[in-house]
Amino acid sequence: MYGRRRPMGPKPVELGKTYEVDVTEQSRRGDGIARIQGFVIFIPGTRKGDHVKIVITSVRSRFATAKVVGSAEE
């Protein structure tokens, strides 16, 4: 099975669900990166150190993307 990717197990995030996360890194493209149970989430418009409420907009095999829906303090 050279060249084939193994199917990954269940993802710790679900499409359309809201989560509260800490942005811990910046991607090369400038998006903030957060992790939930080690699963990478790219969040455009955020910076390292932000604590935000997000909604998942896309779930792929190795990462997800999300958009900010508010600050975590709200």
N, C-alpha and C. Protein backbone atom coordinates (compact mmCIF):
# COMPACT_ATOMS: atom_id res chain seq x y z
N MET A 1 0.81 -1.19 0.00
CA MET A 1 0.00 0.00 0.00
C MET A 1 0.86 1.26 0.00
N TYR A 2 1.94 1.21 -0.68
CA TYR A 2 2.80 2.38 -0.74
C TYR A 2 2.06 3.54 -1.40
N GLY A 3 2.16 4.72 -0.80
CA GLY A 3 1.53 5.90 -1.36
C GLY A 3 0.10 6.11 -0.91
N ARG A 4 -0.49 5.14 -0.27
CA ARG A 4 -1.87 5.30 0.21
C ARG A 4 -1.84 5.73 1.66
N ARG A 5 -2.73 6.61 2.00
CA ARG A 5 -2.81 7.07 3.38
C ARG A 5 -3.78 6.19 4.14
N ARG A 6 -3.40 5.92 5.36
CA ARG A 6 -4.31 5.16 6.22
C ARG A 6 -5.45 6.04 6.64
N PRO A 7 -6.63 5.49 6.76
CA PRO A 7 -7.73 6.30 7.28
C PRO A 7 -7.47 6.67 8.73
N MET A 8 -7.71 7.90 9.06
CA MET A 8 -7.50 8.38 10.42
C MET A 8 -8.72 8.00 11.27
N GLY A 9 -8.52 7.97 12.56
CA GLY A 9 -9.63 7.67 13.46
C GLY A 9 -10.59 8.83 13.54
N PRO A 10 -11.52 8.78 14.47
CA PRO A 10 -12.49 9.88 14.61
C PRO A 10 -11.80 11.18 14.97
N LYS A 11 -12.29 12.26 14.43
CA LYS A 11 -11.71 13.58 14.68
C LYS A 11 -12.26 14.14 16.00
N PRO A 12 -11.45 14.91 16.72
CA PRO A 12 -11.92 15.49 17.99
C PRO A 12 -12.79 16.73 17.80
N VAL A 13 -13.03 17.14 16.54
CA VAL A 13 -13.88 18.29 16.26
C VAL A 13 -14.94 17.89 15.25
N GLU A 14 -16.07 18.63 15.25
CA GLU A 14 -17.16 18.35 14.32
C GLU A 14 -17.52 19.61 13.56
N LEU A 15 -17.86 19.45 12.30
CA LEU A 15 -18.27 20.55 11.45
C LEU A 15 -19.46 21.28 12.06
N GLY A 16 -19.37 22.62 12.15
CA GLY A 16 -20.46 23.43 12.66
C GLY A 16 -20.51 23.59 14.17
N LYS A 17 -19.67 22.86 14.90
CA LYS A 17 -19.66 22.97 16.37
C LYS A 17 -18.77 24.12 16.81
N THR A 18 -19.08 24.66 17.99
CA THR A 18 -18.34 25.78 18.55
C THR A 18 -17.39 25.28 19.64
N TYR A 19 -16.19 25.85 19.66
CA TYR A 19 -15.18 25.50 20.65
C TYR A 19 -14.49 26.76 21.14
N GLU A 20 -13.92 26.69 22.32
CA GLU A 20 -13.13 27.77 22.89
C GLU A 20 -11.68 27.29 22.87
N VAL A 21 -10.79 28.06 22.22
CA VAL A 21 -9.41 27.61 22.04
C VAL A 21 -8.41 28.72 22.31
N ASP A 22 -7.17 28.31 22.55
CA ASP A 22 -6.04 29.22 22.64
C ASP A 22 -5.22 29.07 21.36
N VAL A 23 -4.91 30.18 20.72
CA VAL A 23 -4.06 30.16 19.53
C VAL A 23 -2.62 30.09 20.01
N THR A 24 -1.92 29.02 19.63
CA THR A 24 -0.58 28.79 20.16
C THR A 24 0.53 29.00 19.14
N GLU A 25 0.16 29.09 17.84
CA GLU A 25 1.17 29.23 16.79
C GLU A 25 0.62 30.05 15.64
N GLN A 26 1.52 30.45 14.72
CA GLN A 26 1.12 31.10 13.48
C GLN A 26 1.57 30.22 12.32
N SER A 27 0.71 30.09 11.32
CA SER A 27 1.09 29.32 10.13
C SER A 27 1.95 30.20 9.23
N ARG A 28 2.55 29.60 8.22
CA ARG A 28 3.35 30.35 7.26
C ARG A 28 2.51 31.38 6.52
N ARG A 29 1.22 31.09 6.37
CA ARG A 29 0.30 32.00 5.67
C ARG A 29 -0.26 33.08 6.59
N GLY A 30 0.08 33.01 7.89
CA GLY A 30 -0.37 34.04 8.82
C GLY A 30 -1.61 33.68 9.63
N ASP A 31 -2.20 32.51 9.36
CA ASP A 31 -3.36 32.07 10.14
C ASP A 31 -2.92 31.61 11.52
N GLY A 32 -3.79 31.81 12.50
CA GLY A 32 -3.51 31.28 13.83
C GLY A 32 -3.73 29.78 13.83
N ILE A 33 -3.00 29.09 14.68
CA ILE A 33 -3.14 27.64 14.81
C ILE A 33 -3.48 27.30 16.25
N ALA A 34 -4.54 26.53 16.41
CA ALA A 34 -4.91 25.99 17.73
C ALA A 34 -4.95 24.48 17.59
N ARG A 35 -4.95 23.80 18.71
CA ARG A 35 -5.04 22.33 18.69
C ARG A 35 -6.07 21.88 19.71
N ILE A 36 -6.85 20.88 19.31
CA ILE A 36 -7.77 20.20 20.21
C ILE A 36 -7.39 18.74 20.18
N GLN A 37 -6.94 18.23 21.31
CA GLN A 37 -6.44 16.86 21.43
C GLN A 37 -5.39 16.57 20.36
N GLY A 38 -4.53 17.56 20.08
CA GLY A 38 -3.45 17.41 19.12
C GLY A 38 -3.86 17.64 17.67
N PHE A 39 -5.16 17.77 17.40
CA PHE A 39 -5.66 17.96 16.04
C PHE A 39 -5.55 19.44 15.68
N VAL A 40 -4.91 19.74 14.56
CA VAL A 40 -4.61 21.11 14.15
C VAL A 40 -5.85 21.80 13.59
N ILE A 41 -6.05 23.06 14.02
CA ILE A 41 -7.14 23.89 13.52
C ILE A 41 -6.55 25.23 13.08
N PHE A 42 -6.75 25.58 11.81
CA PHE A 42 -6.30 26.86 11.27
C PHE A 42 -7.42 27.88 11.43
N ILE A 43 -7.07 29.06 11.97
CA ILE A 43 -8.07 30.10 12.23
C ILE A 43 -7.59 31.42 11.65
N PRO A 44 -8.07 31.79 10.46
CA PRO A 44 -7.67 33.08 9.86
C PRO A 44 -8.07 34.25 10.76
N GLY A 45 -7.24 35.29 10.75
CA GLY A 45 -7.55 36.50 11.50
C GLY A 45 -7.21 36.45 12.97
N THR A 46 -6.48 35.43 13.39
CA THR A 46 -6.08 35.35 14.79
C THR A 46 -4.56 35.37 14.89
N ARG A 47 -4.08 35.63 16.09
CA ARG A 47 -2.64 35.68 16.34
C ARG A 47 -2.29 34.83 17.55
N LYS A 48 -1.04 34.44 17.62
CA LYS A 48 -0.56 33.67 18.76
C LYS A 48 -0.90 34.42 20.04
N GLY A 49 -1.48 33.71 21.01
CA GLY A 49 -1.85 34.30 22.29
C GLY A 49 -3.33 34.63 22.40
N ASP A 50 -4.06 34.64 21.27
CA ASP A 50 -5.50 34.91 21.32
C ASP A 50 -6.24 33.76 21.98
N HIS A 51 -7.29 34.08 22.72
CA HIS A 51 -8.19 33.09 23.32
C HIS A 51 -9.56 33.40 22.75
N VAL A 52 -10.05 32.55 21.84
CA VAL A 52 -11.24 32.87 21.06
C VAL A 52 -12.25 31.73 21.03
N LYS A 53 -13.47 32.10 20.68
CA LYS A 53 -14.53 31.14 20.44
C LYS A 53 -14.61 30.96 18.93
N ILE A 54 -14.59 29.70 18.46
CA ILE A 54 -14.58 29.43 17.02
C ILE A 54 -15.70 28.47 16.65
N VAL A 55 -16.04 28.47 15.35
CA VAL A 55 -16.93 27.46 14.80
C VAL A 55 -16.17 26.79 13.66
N ILE A 56 -16.22 25.46 13.63
CA ILE A 56 -15.50 24.68 12.63
C ILE A 56 -16.20 24.81 11.28
N THR A 57 -15.44 25.22 10.24
CA THR A 57 -16.02 25.42 8.91
C THR A 57 -15.65 24.32 7.93
N SER A 58 -14.60 23.56 8.24
CA SER A 58 -14.15 22.49 7.36
C SER A 58 -13.34 21.49 8.17
N VAL A 59 -13.55 20.21 7.92
CA VAL A 59 -12.77 19.16 8.59
C VAL A 59 -12.15 18.28 7.52
N ARG A 60 -10.83 18.21 7.52
CA ARG A 60 -10.10 17.36 6.58
C ARG A 60 -9.49 16.20 7.35
N SER A 61 -8.74 15.37 6.67
CA SER A 61 -8.18 14.20 7.35
C SER A 61 -7.13 14.56 8.39
N ARG A 62 -6.36 15.63 8.14
CA ARG A 62 -5.27 15.96 9.05
C ARG A 62 -5.41 17.31 9.75
N PHE A 63 -6.40 18.10 9.38
CA PHE A 63 -6.58 19.42 9.99
C PHE A 63 -8.01 19.90 9.77
N ALA A 64 -8.34 20.98 10.47
CA ALA A 64 -9.64 21.62 10.29
C ALA A 64 -9.41 23.11 10.12
N THR A 65 -10.42 23.81 9.59
CA THR A 65 -10.39 25.26 9.54
C THR A 65 -11.60 25.77 10.31
N ALA A 66 -11.47 26.99 10.82
CA ALA A 66 -12.53 27.56 11.63
C ALA A 66 -12.58 29.06 11.45
N LYS A 67 -13.69 29.66 11.88
CA LYS A 67 -13.77 31.12 11.91
C LYS A 67 -14.13 31.56 13.32
N VAL A 68 -13.69 32.75 13.66
CA VAL A 68 -13.93 33.31 14.99
C VAL A 68 -15.39 33.77 15.06
N VAL A 69 -16.06 33.40 16.15
CA VAL A 69 -17.44 33.84 16.36
C VAL A 69 -17.55 34.72 17.60
N GLY A 70 -16.46 34.95 18.29
CA GLY A 70 -16.48 35.83 19.46
C GLY A 70 -15.26 35.62 20.32
N SER A 71 -15.08 36.52 21.27
CA SER A 71 -13.99 36.33 22.21
C SER A 71 -14.44 35.31 23.25
N ALA A 72 -13.51 34.64 23.84
CA ALA A 72 -13.85 33.58 24.79
C ALA A 72 -14.48 34.13 26.07
N GLU A 73 -14.31 35.42 26.34
CA GLU A 73 -14.85 36.01 27.56
C GLU A 73 -16.35 36.28 27.45
N GLU A 74 -16.89 36.29 26.22
CA GLU A 74 -18.31 36.63 26.05
C GLU A 74 -19.22 35.55 26.60
